[in-house]
Amino acid sequence: MSSMDTDELSVVLPSSTTSGLSLSLHPLPILNISEHLTRLKLQTESNSPFVLGALLGTQNGRDVEIVNTFELATLQDHDDMVDHDFLVSRRDQYKQVFPSLEFIGWYTVAPNPTSRHIALHDQFTRYCPTPLLLVLQPSSIAPTSSDITGQTLPFKAYEPTIEIRDKKTRSVFIEAAYKVETGEAERIAVDWTAKGGGGGTTLESHLQTQRAAVKMLHERILVLVQYVANVVSGQVPKDHTTLRSLSALLSSLPASENKGFRAEFNTEYEDVQLTAFLSSLTKSANTLNDLVDKHIVLIGASRDERAMPGPRRRMGRQGTMPGDWSMHS
């Protein structure tokens, strides 16, 4: 009796059956599923915990992209029954943040799909007509191939289909090829994650690089000094080629202890300082000039508001002006 006639009938069609699905897998689902498995291993202290989650992405005809995931819950004491209320709630929450993402399938961790996965798969058809299945196989060994386009990740994607066998139909899976697709933001995030994350800044990274370079230079200088000291003391035989190289290296260094070099350096340093001082002085004078102009404009406006339309002269005797008295005397 062949294996196909036993109770352990495979739910995956042979590799000769190909899927016409064009599937793209982004790095975020890979990281989420791996983290989900690792966390459950630590929480349950089991090497093979039951992992269940939903796949979010976009689908345009036969082109599918898996962009994000979220974890799913099962009913208490029923690991094979999905908590649909929790699924709908989480799906709607993600829909508010990512309106373009739809529920396109589910994921789990197993060596290979079994009839148990078929039973689980039927529970997701109410949310998607043909939900995909993404399986993480942590125990699988990546194939050794020089082809860089080969799939070396321990993930396998499956597309549901119907098989007619012995005049009966049953649900099965077809393995679908996929490719890993990343955007600019995802490449940055993956690179940050690969380096261990942390809160380091660009300046901190630059300073650490400089420190490592200075440390290496210091160690090499100590090696040269120790070699010269051993040659002088006679512990090491003279190597004229090495000594000539050291002499050429010392000659190429700036003569910082020479009086002429020091005088020229001081002159250039004073010129730079004087230029910087003049620049700062010019900037301060320009700021002061702007302040004086604004003050003059403000004072002038205040005087104009207090001024009368025209001066009134004091009236004298019989309604005459004081300056007209001499004319009537």
Protein backbone atom coordinates (compact mmCIF):
# COMPACT_ATOMS: atom_id res chain seq x y z
CA MET A 1 0.00 0.00 0.00
CA SER A 2 1.50 3.32 -1.03
CA SER A 3 1.80 6.32 1.20
CA MET A 4 -0.88 8.07 -0.83
CA ASP A 5 -3.43 5.48 0.28
CA THR A 6 -2.73 5.73 3.98
CA ASP A 7 -4.41 7.95 6.52
CA GLU A 8 -1.40 10.24 6.39
CA LEU A 9 -2.28 11.38 2.92
CA SER A 10 -0.25 14.42 1.97
CA VAL A 11 -2.22 17.65 1.63
CA VAL A 12 0.46 19.18 -0.60
CA LEU A 13 0.45 18.41 -4.29
CA PRO A 14 3.69 17.14 -5.86
CA SER A 15 6.32 19.63 -6.95
CA SER A 16 5.44 18.92 -10.57
CA THR A 17 2.27 20.94 -10.00
CA THR A 18 3.18 24.59 -10.22
CA SER A 19 1.34 27.67 -9.05
CA GLY A 20 0.93 30.69 -11.28
CA LEU A 21 0.94 33.01 -8.28
CA SER A 22 3.44 35.89 -8.28
CA LEU A 23 4.22 36.28 -4.58
CA SER A 24 6.43 38.91 -2.93
CA LEU A 25 7.46 38.61 0.72
CA HIS A 26 8.65 41.67 2.61
CA PRO A 27 11.18 41.56 5.50
CA LEU A 28 8.72 42.69 8.19
CA PRO A 29 6.61 39.49 8.11
CA ILE A 30 9.80 37.41 8.28
CA LEU A 31 10.94 39.28 11.39
CA ASN A 32 7.49 39.21 13.00
CA ILE A 33 7.02 35.45 12.56
CA SER A 34 10.54 34.67 13.79
CA GLU A 35 10.03 36.87 16.85
CA HIS A 36 6.62 35.27 17.50
CA LEU A 37 8.14 31.79 17.48
CA THR A 38 11.09 32.76 19.70
CA ARG A 39 8.85 34.45 22.26
CA LEU A 40 6.47 31.49 22.48
CA LYS A 41 9.41 29.12 22.94
CA LEU A 42 10.55 31.11 25.95
CA GLN A 43 7.06 31.51 27.38
CA THR A 44 5.96 27.89 27.00
CA GLU A 45 9.43 26.35 27.44
CA SER A 46 8.68 24.19 24.42
CA ASN A 47 10.69 23.69 21.26
CA SER A 48 7.59 23.38 19.09
CA PRO A 49 4.84 25.74 20.32
CA PHE A 50 1.69 26.30 18.33
CA VAL A 51 2.08 29.53 16.35
CA LEU A 52 -0.82 31.18 14.55
CA GLY A 53 -1.09 34.57 12.89
CA ALA A 54 -2.64 36.54 10.04
CA LEU A 55 -1.03 37.88 6.88
CA LEU A 56 -1.73 41.39 5.65
CA GLY A 57 -0.89 42.64 2.19
CA THR A 58 -2.19 43.62 -1.21
CA GLN A 59 -3.47 41.53 -4.10
CA ASN A 60 -3.91 42.58 -7.70
CA GLY A 61 -5.05 39.61 -9.73
CA ARG A 62 -2.32 36.98 -9.40
CA ASP A 63 0.20 39.46 -7.97
CA VAL A 64 0.31 39.25 -4.17
CA GLU A 65 2.49 41.09 -1.66
CA ILE A 66 2.78 40.06 2.00
CA VAL A 67 3.59 43.28 3.84
CA ASN A 68 2.71 42.79 7.52
CA THR A 69 1.40 40.28 10.06
CA PHE A 70 -0.34 40.13 13.41
CA GLU A 71 -0.82 37.35 15.92
CA LEU A 72 -4.06 35.40 16.32
CA ALA A 73 -5.69 33.81 19.33
CA THR A 74 -7.58 30.54 19.67
CA LEU A 75 -10.51 29.63 21.86
CA GLN A 76 -9.74 28.39 25.33
CA ASP A 77 -9.17 24.62 25.39
CA HIS A 78 -9.65 24.55 21.59
CA ASP A 79 -6.38 25.16 19.80
CA ASP A 80 -7.96 24.31 16.46
CA MET A 81 -10.67 26.97 16.75
CA VAL A 82 -9.75 30.53 15.80
CA ASP A 83 -11.03 33.36 17.99
CA HIS A 84 -12.89 35.23 15.23
CA ASP A 85 -13.85 38.18 17.42
CA PHE A 86 -10.20 38.84 18.15
CA LEU A 87 -9.30 38.44 14.48
CA VAL A 88 -11.94 40.93 13.31
CA SER A 89 -10.98 43.43 16.00
CA ARG A 90 -7.28 43.33 15.14
CA ARG A 91 -7.99 43.42 11.41
CA ASP A 92 -10.13 46.54 11.77
CA GLN A 93 -7.49 48.22 13.93
CA TYR A 94 -4.81 47.59 11.30
CA LYS A 95 -7.24 48.75 8.63
CA GLN A 96 -7.51 52.15 10.30
CA VAL A 97 -3.74 52.61 10.25
CA PHE A 98 -3.01 50.87 6.92
CA PRO A 99 -6.12 51.29 4.73
CA SER A 100 -4.48 49.65 1.70
CA LEU A 101 -3.69 46.35 3.48
CA GLU A 102 -6.15 43.47 3.37
CA PHE A 103 -6.33 40.08 5.06
CA ILE A 104 -4.78 37.70 2.51
CA GLY A 105 -3.90 34.61 4.55
CA TRP A 106 -2.39 33.18 7.68
CA TYR A 107 0.89 31.75 8.96
CA THR A 108 2.04 28.99 11.26
CA VAL A 109 5.13 26.98 12.18
CA ALA A 110 5.33 23.33 11.14
CA PRO A 111 7.58 20.93 9.23
CA ASN A 112 4.89 20.45 6.57
CA PRO A 113 1.17 21.20 6.19
CA THR A 114 -1.16 18.48 7.49
CA SER A 115 -4.89 17.83 7.69
CA ARG A 116 -4.94 19.97 10.83
CA HIS A 117 -3.87 22.94 8.73
CA ILE A 118 -6.62 22.19 6.24
CA ALA A 119 -9.17 22.41 9.08
CA LEU A 120 -7.68 25.70 10.21
CA HIS A 121 -7.52 26.96 6.66
CA ASP A 122 -11.27 26.50 6.13
CA GLN A 123 -11.94 28.90 9.01
CA PHE A 124 -10.27 31.79 7.15
CA THR A 125 -12.28 31.51 3.94
CA ARG A 126 -14.92 33.87 5.35
CA TYR A 127 -12.35 36.70 5.29
CA CYS A 128 -10.67 35.85 1.99
CA PRO A 129 -11.85 33.49 -0.77
CA THR A 130 -8.41 31.93 -1.25
CA PRO A 131 -6.28 32.67 1.81
CA LEU A 132 -2.58 31.94 1.49
CA LEU A 133 -0.59 29.87 3.95
CA LEU A 134 2.94 30.83 4.97
CA VAL A 135 4.79 28.14 6.91
CA LEU A 136 7.98 28.67 8.87
CA GLN A 137 10.12 25.52 8.93
CA PRO A 138 12.86 26.28 11.48
CA SER A 139 14.32 22.76 11.28
CA SER A 140 14.76 22.81 7.51
CA ILE A 141 18.27 23.12 6.12
CA ALA A 142 18.83 25.84 3.58
CA PRO A 143 19.93 24.45 0.21
CA THR A 144 23.54 25.00 -0.72
CA SER A 145 23.44 26.63 -4.10
CA SER A 146 25.48 29.22 -5.89
CA ASP A 147 22.31 30.66 -7.41
CA ILE A 148 21.63 33.87 -5.52
CA THR A 149 18.03 33.87 -6.70
CA GLY A 150 17.28 30.57 -4.94
CA GLN A 151 15.04 30.56 -1.88
CA THR A 152 17.29 29.91 1.09
CA LEU A 153 14.88 31.11 3.78
CA PRO A 154 13.10 28.48 5.95
CA PHE A 155 9.72 29.68 4.68
CA LYS A 156 7.31 28.06 2.27
CA ALA A 157 4.18 29.61 0.82
CA TYR A 158 1.15 27.60 -0.21
CA GLU A 159 -1.88 28.40 -2.31
CA PRO A 160 -5.15 26.50 -1.67
CA THR A 161 -6.79 24.47 -4.41
CA ILE A 162 -9.18 21.55 -4.90
CA GLU A 163 -8.08 18.05 -5.88
CA ILE A 164 -10.39 15.37 -7.29
CA ARG A 165 -9.35 11.97 -5.99
CA ASP A 166 -11.40 8.79 -6.15
CA LYS A 167 -14.34 10.83 -7.45
CA LYS A 168 -14.18 12.99 -4.35
CA THR A 169 -12.95 16.53 -3.86
CA ARG A 170 -10.65 17.63 -1.09
CA SER A 171 -8.78 20.79 -0.17
CA VAL A 172 -5.03 20.70 -0.77
CA PHE A 173 -2.13 23.11 -1.09
CA ILE A 174 0.16 24.00 -3.96
CA GLU A 175 3.59 25.32 -3.10
CA ALA A 176 4.04 28.82 -4.52
CA ALA A 177 7.40 30.34 -5.28
CA TYR A 178 8.11 33.72 -3.75
CA LYS A 179 10.71 36.44 -3.83
CA VAL A 180 11.85 38.78 -1.08
CA GLU A 181 11.14 42.39 -1.93
CA THR A 182 12.34 45.33 0.13
CA GLY A 183 11.85 49.08 0.03
CA GLU A 184 14.28 51.79 1.12
CA ALA A 185 12.74 52.14 4.59
CA GLU A 186 12.72 48.36 5.06
CA ARG A 187 16.39 48.07 4.08
CA ILE A 188 17.28 50.68 6.69
CA ALA A 189 15.22 48.88 9.34
CA VAL A 190 16.72 45.49 8.51
CA ASP A 191 20.24 46.92 8.58
CA TRP A 192 19.52 48.55 11.94
CA THR A 193 18.15 45.27 13.29
CA ALA A 194 21.11 43.28 11.94
CA LYS A 195 23.48 45.61 13.77
CA GLY A 196 21.69 44.99 17.05
CA GLY A 197 19.55 48.13 17.17
CA GLY A 198 20.30 50.37 20.08
CA GLY A 199 19.99 54.12 20.47
CA GLY A 200 23.34 55.06 18.99
CA THR A 201 23.50 58.17 16.85
CA THR A 202 25.54 58.89 13.75
CA LEU A 203 27.93 60.98 15.81
CA GLU A 204 28.44 58.16 18.28
CA SER A 205 29.14 55.71 15.46
CA HIS A 206 31.61 58.16 13.89
CA LEU A 207 33.41 58.67 17.20
CA GLN A 208 33.64 54.93 17.78
CA THR A 209 35.18 54.50 14.34
CA GLN A 210 37.68 57.26 15.04
CA ARG A 211 38.53 55.73 18.40
CA ALA A 212 39.16 52.33 16.83
CA ALA A 213 41.40 53.91 14.18
CA VAL A 214 43.40 55.85 16.78
CA LYS A 215 43.73 52.75 18.94
CA MET A 216 45.05 50.71 16.01
CA LEU A 217 47.50 53.47 15.08
CA HIS A 218 48.73 53.65 18.66
CA GLU A 219 49.28 49.89 18.79
CA ARG A 220 51.28 49.93 15.54
CA ILE A 221 53.42 52.84 16.75
CA LEU A 222 54.18 50.88 19.93
CA VAL A 223 55.28 47.93 17.78
CA LEU A 224 57.67 50.17 15.82
CA VAL A 225 59.03 51.77 19.00
CA GLN A 226 59.56 48.36 20.57
CA TYR A 227 61.35 47.14 17.44
CA VAL A 228 63.71 50.13 17.39
CA ALA A 229 64.40 49.70 21.12
CA ASN A 230 65.24 46.01 20.59
CA VAL A 231 67.55 46.87 17.68
CA VAL A 232 69.36 49.49 19.76
CA SER A 233 69.77 47.09 22.68
CA GLY A 234 71.00 44.35 20.34
CA GLN A 235 68.18 41.93 21.06
CA VAL A 236 67.08 41.92 17.42
CA PRO A 237 69.38 41.95 14.38
CA LYS A 238 69.34 45.03 12.20
CA ASP A 239 67.15 44.97 9.14
CA HIS A 240 68.34 47.87 6.97
CA THR A 241 65.26 47.73 4.76
CA THR A 242 62.96 48.17 7.74
CA LEU A 243 65.12 50.91 9.21
CA ARG A 244 65.16 52.82 5.91
CA SER A 245 61.38 52.59 5.78
CA LEU A 246 61.15 53.96 9.31
CA SER A 247 63.52 56.80 8.43
CA ALA A 248 61.45 57.70 5.36
CA LEU A 249 58.28 57.62 7.46
CA LEU A 250 59.77 59.98 10.04
CA SER A 251 61.01 62.33 7.34
CA SER A 252 57.51 62.59 5.89
CA LEU A 253 56.07 63.79 9.20
CA PRO A 254 55.64 67.58 9.64
CA ALA A 255 58.55 69.27 11.39
CA SER A 256 56.41 70.47 14.28
CA GLU A 257 59.41 71.15 16.53
CA ASN A 258 61.25 73.37 14.04
CA LYS A 259 61.38 77.07 14.96
CA GLY A 260 60.61 78.21 11.43
CA PHE A 261 57.62 75.90 11.20
CA ARG A 262 56.34 77.05 14.58
CA ALA A 263 56.69 80.75 13.64
CA GLU A 264 54.86 80.24 10.34
CA PHE A 265 52.16 78.20 12.04
CA ASN A 266 51.62 80.90 14.67
CA THR A 267 51.38 83.57 11.96
CA GLU A 268 48.73 81.65 10.04
CA TYR A 269 46.87 80.86 13.24
CA GLU A 270 46.80 84.55 14.23
CA ASP A 271 45.59 85.51 10.74
CA VAL A 272 42.72 83.04 10.99
CA GLN A 273 41.81 84.27 14.46
CA LEU A 274 41.92 87.91 13.29
CA THR A 275 39.68 87.09 10.31
CA ALA A 276 37.20 85.36 12.58
CA PHE A 277 37.27 88.34 14.98
CA LEU A 278 36.65 90.83 12.17
CA SER A 279 33.79 88.71 10.85
CA SER A 280 32.19 88.59 14.28
CA LEU A 281 32.71 92.36 14.73
CA THR A 282 31.12 93.11 11.35
CA LYS A 283 28.14 90.93 12.18
CA SER A 284 27.69 92.66 15.56
CA ALA A 285 27.91 96.12 13.92
CA ASN A 286 25.31 95.11 11.34
CA THR A 287 22.97 93.87 14.10
CA LEU A 288 23.46 97.12 16.05
CA ASN A 289 22.78 99.19 12.94
CA ASP A 290 19.49 97.34 12.34
CA LEU A 291 18.52 97.91 15.98
CA VAL A 292 19.22 101.67 15.74
CA ASP A 293 17.17 101.95 12.54
CA LYS A 294 14.22 100.21 14.17
CA HIS A 295 14.52 102.48 17.24
CA ILE A 296 14.52 105.62 15.07
CA VAL A 297 11.46 104.44 13.17
CA LEU A 298 9.62 103.66 16.43
CA ILE A 299 10.49 107.04 18.06
CA GLY A 300 9.55 108.94 14.92
CA ALA A 301 6.15 107.26 14.76
CA SER A 302 5.48 108.08 18.42
CA ARG A 303 6.30 111.79 17.89
CA ASP A 304 4.03 111.99 14.86
CA GLU A 305 1.13 110.60 16.89
CA ARG A 306 1.60 113.25 19.65
CA ALA A 307 1.97 116.19 17.25
CA MET A 308 -1.05 118.50 16.62
CA PRO A 309 -2.30 119.34 13.10
CA GLY A 310 -0.96 123.03 13.45
CA PRO A 311 0.23 125.46 16.21
CA ARG A 312 -2.39 127.86 17.71
CA ARG A 313 -1.33 131.40 18.62
CA ARG A 314 -2.49 133.13 21.82
CA MET A 315 -5.13 135.85 21.26
CA GLY A 316 -4.44 139.43 22.49
CA ARG A 317 -6.62 142.48 23.22
CA GLN A 318 -9.90 142.77 21.27
CA GLY A 319 -9.21 139.48 19.56
CA THR A 320 -5.91 140.62 18.01
CA MET A 321 -2.74 138.63 18.01
CA PRO A 322 0.07 139.67 20.40
CA GLY A 323 2.31 140.52 17.53
CA ASP A 324 -0.26 143.03 16.13
CA TRP A 325 -0.38 145.43 19.17
CA SER A 326 2.18 147.78 17.69
CA MET A 327 -0.04 148.36 14.72
CA HIS A 328 -2.91 149.72 16.89
CA SER A 329 -0.86 151.66 19.43
